[in-house]
C-alpha atoms as a PDB file:
ATOM      1  CA  MET A   1      40.413  16.399 -93.933  1.00  0.00           C
ATOM      2  CA  ALA A   2      37.671  16.415 -91.294  1.00  0.00           C
ATOM      3  CA  GLU A   3      39.354  19.317 -89.495  1.00  0.00           C
ATOM      4  CA  GLN A   4      39.278  21.425 -92.657  1.00  0.00           C
ATOM      5  CA  GLU A   5      35.538  20.771 -93.133  1.00  0.00           C
ATOM      6  CA  THR A   6      34.725  21.809 -89.553  1.00  0.00           C
ATOM      7  CA  GLU A   7      36.727  25.025 -90.032  1.00  0.00           C
ATOM      8  CA  LYS A   8      34.658  25.853 -93.116  1.00  0.00           C
ATOM      9  CA  PHE A   9      31.365  25.578 -91.248  1.00  0.00           C
ATOM     10  CA  LYS A  10      32.548  27.277 -88.073  1.00  0.00           C
ATOM     11  CA  LYS A  11      30.580  30.429 -87.322  1.00  0.00           C
ATOM     12  CA  LYS A  12      32.511  33.490 -88.382  1.00  0.00           C
ATOM     13  CA  GLU A  13      33.385  35.890 -85.572  1.00  0.00           C
ATOM     14  CA  PHE A  14      31.414  39.137 -85.795  1.00  0.00           C
ATOM     15  CA  ARG A  15      33.475  42.233 -86.551  1.00  0.00           C
ATOM     16  CA  TYR A  16      32.401  45.851 -86.839  1.00  0.00           C
ATOM     17  CA  ARG A  17      34.816  47.957 -88.893  1.00  0.00           C
ATOM     18  CA  GLU A  18      37.530  45.327 -88.303  1.00  0.00           C
ATOM     19  CA  LYS A  19      37.080  45.438 -84.506  1.00  0.00           C
ATOM     20  CA  THR A  20      35.909  42.516 -82.355  1.00  0.00           C
ATOM     21  CA  ILE A  21      33.074  42.841 -79.852  1.00  0.00           C
ATOM     22  CA  GLU A  22      35.514  42.730 -76.918  1.00  0.00           C
ATOM     23  CA  GLU A  23      37.526  45.629 -78.385  1.00  0.00           C
ATOM     24  CA  LEU A  24      34.332  47.609 -79.016  1.00  0.00           C
ATOM     25  CA  LYS A  25      33.026  47.096 -75.463  1.00  0.00           C
ATOM     26  CA  LYS A  26      36.285  48.479 -74.033  1.00  0.00           C
ATOM     27  CA  MET A  27      35.918  51.665 -76.113  1.00  0.00           C
ATOM     28  CA  GLU A  28      34.273  54.804 -74.846  1.00  0.00           C
ATOM     29  CA  ILE A  29      31.198  56.089 -76.670  1.00  0.00           C
ATOM     30  CA  ARG A  30      33.138  58.907 -78.352  1.00  0.00           C
ATOM     31  CA  GLU A  31      35.734  56.447 -79.678  1.00  0.00           C
ATOM     32  CA  PHE A  32      33.018  54.148 -81.013  1.00  0.00           C
ATOM     33  CA  ALA A  33      31.269  57.111 -82.632  1.00  0.00           C
ATOM     34  CA  LYS A  34      34.325  57.657 -84.842  1.00  0.00           C
ATOM     35  CA  LEU A  35      33.642  54.261 -86.469  1.00  0.00           C
ATOM     36  CA  LEU A  36      30.030  55.104 -87.392  1.00  0.00           C
ATOM     37  CA  LYS A  37      28.694  56.598 -90.617  1.00  0.00           C
ATOM     38  CA  SER A  38      28.484  60.395 -90.799  1.00  0.00           C
ATOM     39  CA  ASN A  39      24.881  61.012 -89.664  1.00  0.00           C
ATOM     40  CA  GLU A  40      25.050  58.511 -86.811  1.00  0.00           C
ATOM     41  CA  LYS A  41      28.523  59.818 -85.890  1.00  0.00           C
ATOM     42  CA  ARG A  42      27.226  63.374 -85.488  1.00  0.00           C
ATOM     43  CA  THR A  43      24.228  62.189 -83.487  1.00  0.00           C
ATOM     44  CA  ALA A  44      26.350  59.970 -81.224  1.00  0.00           C
ATOM     45  CA  PHE A  45      28.744  62.825 -80.478  1.00  0.00           C
ATOM     46  CA  ARG A  46      25.796  65.022 -79.486  1.00  0.00           C
ATOM     47  CA  GLN A  47      24.122  62.258 -77.449  1.00  0.00           C
ATOM     48  CA  THR A  48      27.206  61.010 -75.568  1.00  0.00           C
ATOM     49  CA  ASP A  49      25.960  62.149 -72.146  1.00  0.00           C
ATOM     50  CA  GLU A  50      22.433  60.910 -72.798  1.00  0.00           C
ATOM     51  CA  ILE A  51      23.662  57.473 -73.932  1.00  0.00           C
ATOM     52  CA  GLN A  52      25.879  57.157 -70.848  1.00  0.00           C
ATOM     53  CA  LYS A  53      22.974  58.058 -68.546  1.00  0.00           C
ATOM     54  CA  PHE A  54      20.784  55.492 -70.311  1.00  0.00           C
ATOM     55  CA  ILE A  55      23.401  52.732 -69.931  1.00  0.00           C
ATOM     56  CA  ILE A  56      23.901  53.499 -66.226  1.00  0.00           C
ATOM     57  CA  ARG A  57      20.127  53.482 -65.637  1.00  0.00           C
ATOM     58  CA  ALA A  58      19.760  50.247 -67.641  1.00  0.00           C
ATOM     59  CA  ASN A  59      22.518  48.495 -65.679  1.00  0.00           C
ATOM     60  CA  LYS A  60      20.860  49.477 -62.371  1.00  0.00           C
ATOM     61  CA  LYS A  61      17.528  48.073 -63.571  1.00  0.00           C
ATOM     62  CA  MET A  62      19.190  44.861 -64.794  1.00  0.00           C
ATOM     63  CA  LYS A  63      20.715  44.307 -61.331  1.00  0.00           C
ATOM     64  CA  LYS A  64      17.233  44.609 -59.803  1.00  0.00           C
ATOM     65  CA  ASN A  65      15.782  42.264 -62.496  1.00  0.00           C
ATOM     66  CA  LYS A  66      13.414  44.975 -63.719  1.00  0.00           C
ATOM     67  CA  ALA A  67      12.429  45.618 -67.328  1.00  0.00           C
ATOM     68  CA  ILE A  68      14.253  48.426 -69.117  1.00  0.00           C
ATOM     69  CA  LYS A  69      11.532  50.626 -70.598  1.00  0.00           C
ATOM     70  CA  THR A  70      12.260  53.684 -72.714  1.00  0.00           C
ATOM     71  CA  HIS A  71      10.643  56.265 -74.973  1.00  0.00           C
ATOM     72  CA  LEU A  72      14.047  57.248 -76.379  1.00  0.00           C
ATOM     73  CA  ARG A  73      13.631  55.864 -79.896  1.00  0.00           C
ATOM     74  CA  TYR A  74      16.362  58.132 -81.289  1.00  0.00           C
ATOM     75  CA  LEU A  75      19.221  56.689 -79.185  1.00  0.00           C
ATOM     76  CA  ILE A  76      22.114  55.181 -81.146  1.00  0.00           C
ATOM     77  CA  ILE A  77      22.895  51.566 -80.178  1.00  0.00           C
ATOM     78  CA  VAL A  78      26.434  51.251 -78.770  1.00  0.00           C
ATOM     79  CA  PRO A  79      28.452  48.117 -77.824  1.00  0.00           C
ATOM     80  CA  GLN A  80      27.666  48.476 -74.090  1.00  0.00           C
ATOM     81  CA  MET A  81      23.993  47.745 -74.911  1.00  0.00           C
ATOM     82  CA  ILE A  82      24.665  44.360 -76.558  1.00  0.00           C
ATOM     83  CA  GLY A  83      22.775  41.592 -74.797  1.00  0.00           C
ATOM     84  CA  MET A  84      20.210  43.892 -73.194  1.00  0.00           C
ATOM     85  CA  ARG A  85      16.471  43.415 -73.626  1.00  0.00           C
ATOM     86  CA  ILE A  86      14.952  46.871 -73.928  1.00  0.00           C
ATOM     87  CA  LEU A  87      11.241  47.659 -74.139  1.00  0.00           C
ATOM     88  CA  VAL A  88      10.960  50.490 -76.678  1.00  0.00           C
ATOM     89  CA  HIS A  89       7.739  52.511 -76.858  1.00  0.00           C
ATOM     90  CA  SER A  90       5.972  52.311 -80.225  1.00  0.00           C
ATOM     91  CA  GLY A  91       3.436  55.045 -79.525  1.00  0.00           C
ATOM     92  CA  LYS A  92       0.872  52.593 -78.186  1.00  0.00           C
ATOM     93  CA  GLU A  93       2.764  49.892 -76.291  1.00  0.00           C
ATOM     94  CA  PHE A  94       6.273  48.814 -75.322  1.00  0.00           C
ATOM     95  CA  VAL A  95       7.850  46.440 -77.863  1.00  0.00           C
ATOM     96  CA  PRO A  96      10.638  44.121 -76.588  1.00  0.00           C
ATOM     97  CA  VAL A  97      13.916  44.488 -78.503  1.00  0.00           C
ATOM     98  CA  ASN A  98      16.886  42.167 -77.901  1.00  0.00           C
ATOM     99  CA  ILE A  99      20.073  44.045 -78.793  1.00  0.00           C
ATOM    100  CA  THR A 100      22.535  42.053 -80.950  1.00  0.00           C
ATOM    101  CA  GLU A 101      25.856  42.843 -82.634  1.00  0.00           C
ATOM    102  CA  GLU A 102      24.266  43.553 -86.012  1.00  0.00           C
ATOM    103  CA  MET A 103      22.257  46.446 -84.535  1.00  0.00           C
ATOM    104  CA  LEU A 104      25.337  48.559 -83.715  1.00  0.00           C
ATOM    105  CA  GLY A 105      25.062  52.107 -85.045  1.00  0.00           C
ATOM    106  CA  HIS A 106      21.299  51.900 -85.644  1.00  0.00           C
ATOM    107  CA  ARG A 107      18.636  53.635 -83.563  1.00  0.00           C
ATOM    108  CA  LEU A 108      16.371  51.916 -81.045  1.00  0.00           C
ATOM    109  CA  GLY A 109      13.233  53.072 -82.869  1.00  0.00           C
ATOM    110  CA  GLU A 110      14.179  51.174 -86.026  1.00  0.00           C
ATOM    111  CA  PHE A 111      13.378  47.899 -84.285  1.00  0.00           C
ATOM    112  CA  SER A 112      10.044  48.966 -82.783  1.00  0.00           C
ATOM    113  CA  VAL A 113       7.491  49.328 -85.567  1.00  0.00           C
ATOM    114  CA  THR A 114       4.980  52.153 -85.075  1.00  0.00           C
ATOM    115  CA  ARG A 115       2.538  51.203 -87.837  1.00  0.00           C
ATOM    116  CA  ASN A 116       0.734  47.896 -87.976  1.00  0.00           C
ATOM    117  CA  LYS A 117      -0.087  46.007 -91.150  1.00  0.00           C
ATOM    118  CA  VAL A 118      -3.624  46.765 -92.361  1.00  0.00           C
ATOM    119  CA  LYS A 119      -5.990  43.840 -91.925  1.00  0.00           C
ATOM    120  CA  HIS A 120      -9.062  44.247 -94.090  1.00  0.00           C
ATOM    121  CA  GLY A 121     -12.158  42.490 -92.829  1.00  0.00           C
ATOM    122  CA  SER A 122     -15.549  42.075 -94.439  1.00  0.00           C
ATOM    123  CA  ALA A 123     -17.446  45.122 -95.700  1.00  0.00           C
ATOM    124  CA  GLY A 124     -19.676  46.891 -93.200  1.00  0.00           C
ATOM    125  CA  VAL A 125     -23.395  47.641 -93.480  1.00  0.00           C
ATOM    126  CA  GLY A 126     -24.005  50.170 -96.247  1.00  0.00           C
ATOM    127  CA  ALA A 127     -20.594  49.647 -97.806  1.00  0.00           C
ATOM    128  CA  THR A 128     -21.940  47.884-100.898  1.00  0.00           C
ATOM    129  CA  ARG A 129     -25.032  48.395-103.089  1.00  0.00           C
ATOM    130  CA  SER A 130     -26.668  45.181-101.947  1.00  0.00           C
ATOM    131  CA  SER A 131     -26.516  46.114 -98.271  1.00  0.00           C
ATOM    132  CA  ALA A 132     -27.639  49.732 -98.890  1.00  0.00           C
ATOM    133  CA  SER A 133     -31.285  48.742 -99.414  1.00  0.00           C
ATOM    134  CA  ARG A 134     -31.492  46.805 -96.139  1.00  0.00           C
ATOM    135  CA  SER A 135     -32.697  48.524 -93.037  1.00  0.00           C
ATOM    136  CA  VAL A 136     -30.180  49.008 -90.267  1.00  0.00           C
ATOM    137  CA  LYS A 137     -32.742  47.973 -87.597  1.00  0.00           C
END
């Protein structure tokens, strides 16, 4: 009885298109691209060389314990990137992104927001009728 209850609450193993993470990591980028949706599939086929160069560069930087910084927001996330911490440029600063299994097939830029939420403060001088009559000095 207790064994059945523990099996119910056991974390389900992540699968992407009925493939485990280990199977996905063994695949080449072109093989993985066949599992993606049409737009991402086309992009991944075109970017194969660029993605491979990025992964090689990232692995070298990880060995040296350096941060992986990139401006390549359009790169498709592939299984070889899982577990990496990549600093993606948002237009102003580098935003840290930890790559997980659920991010497969998405682009790096989707996880680095470029627009901040608007924070409205108090009205400035001259913004309302009551402050218009006051002198600025």
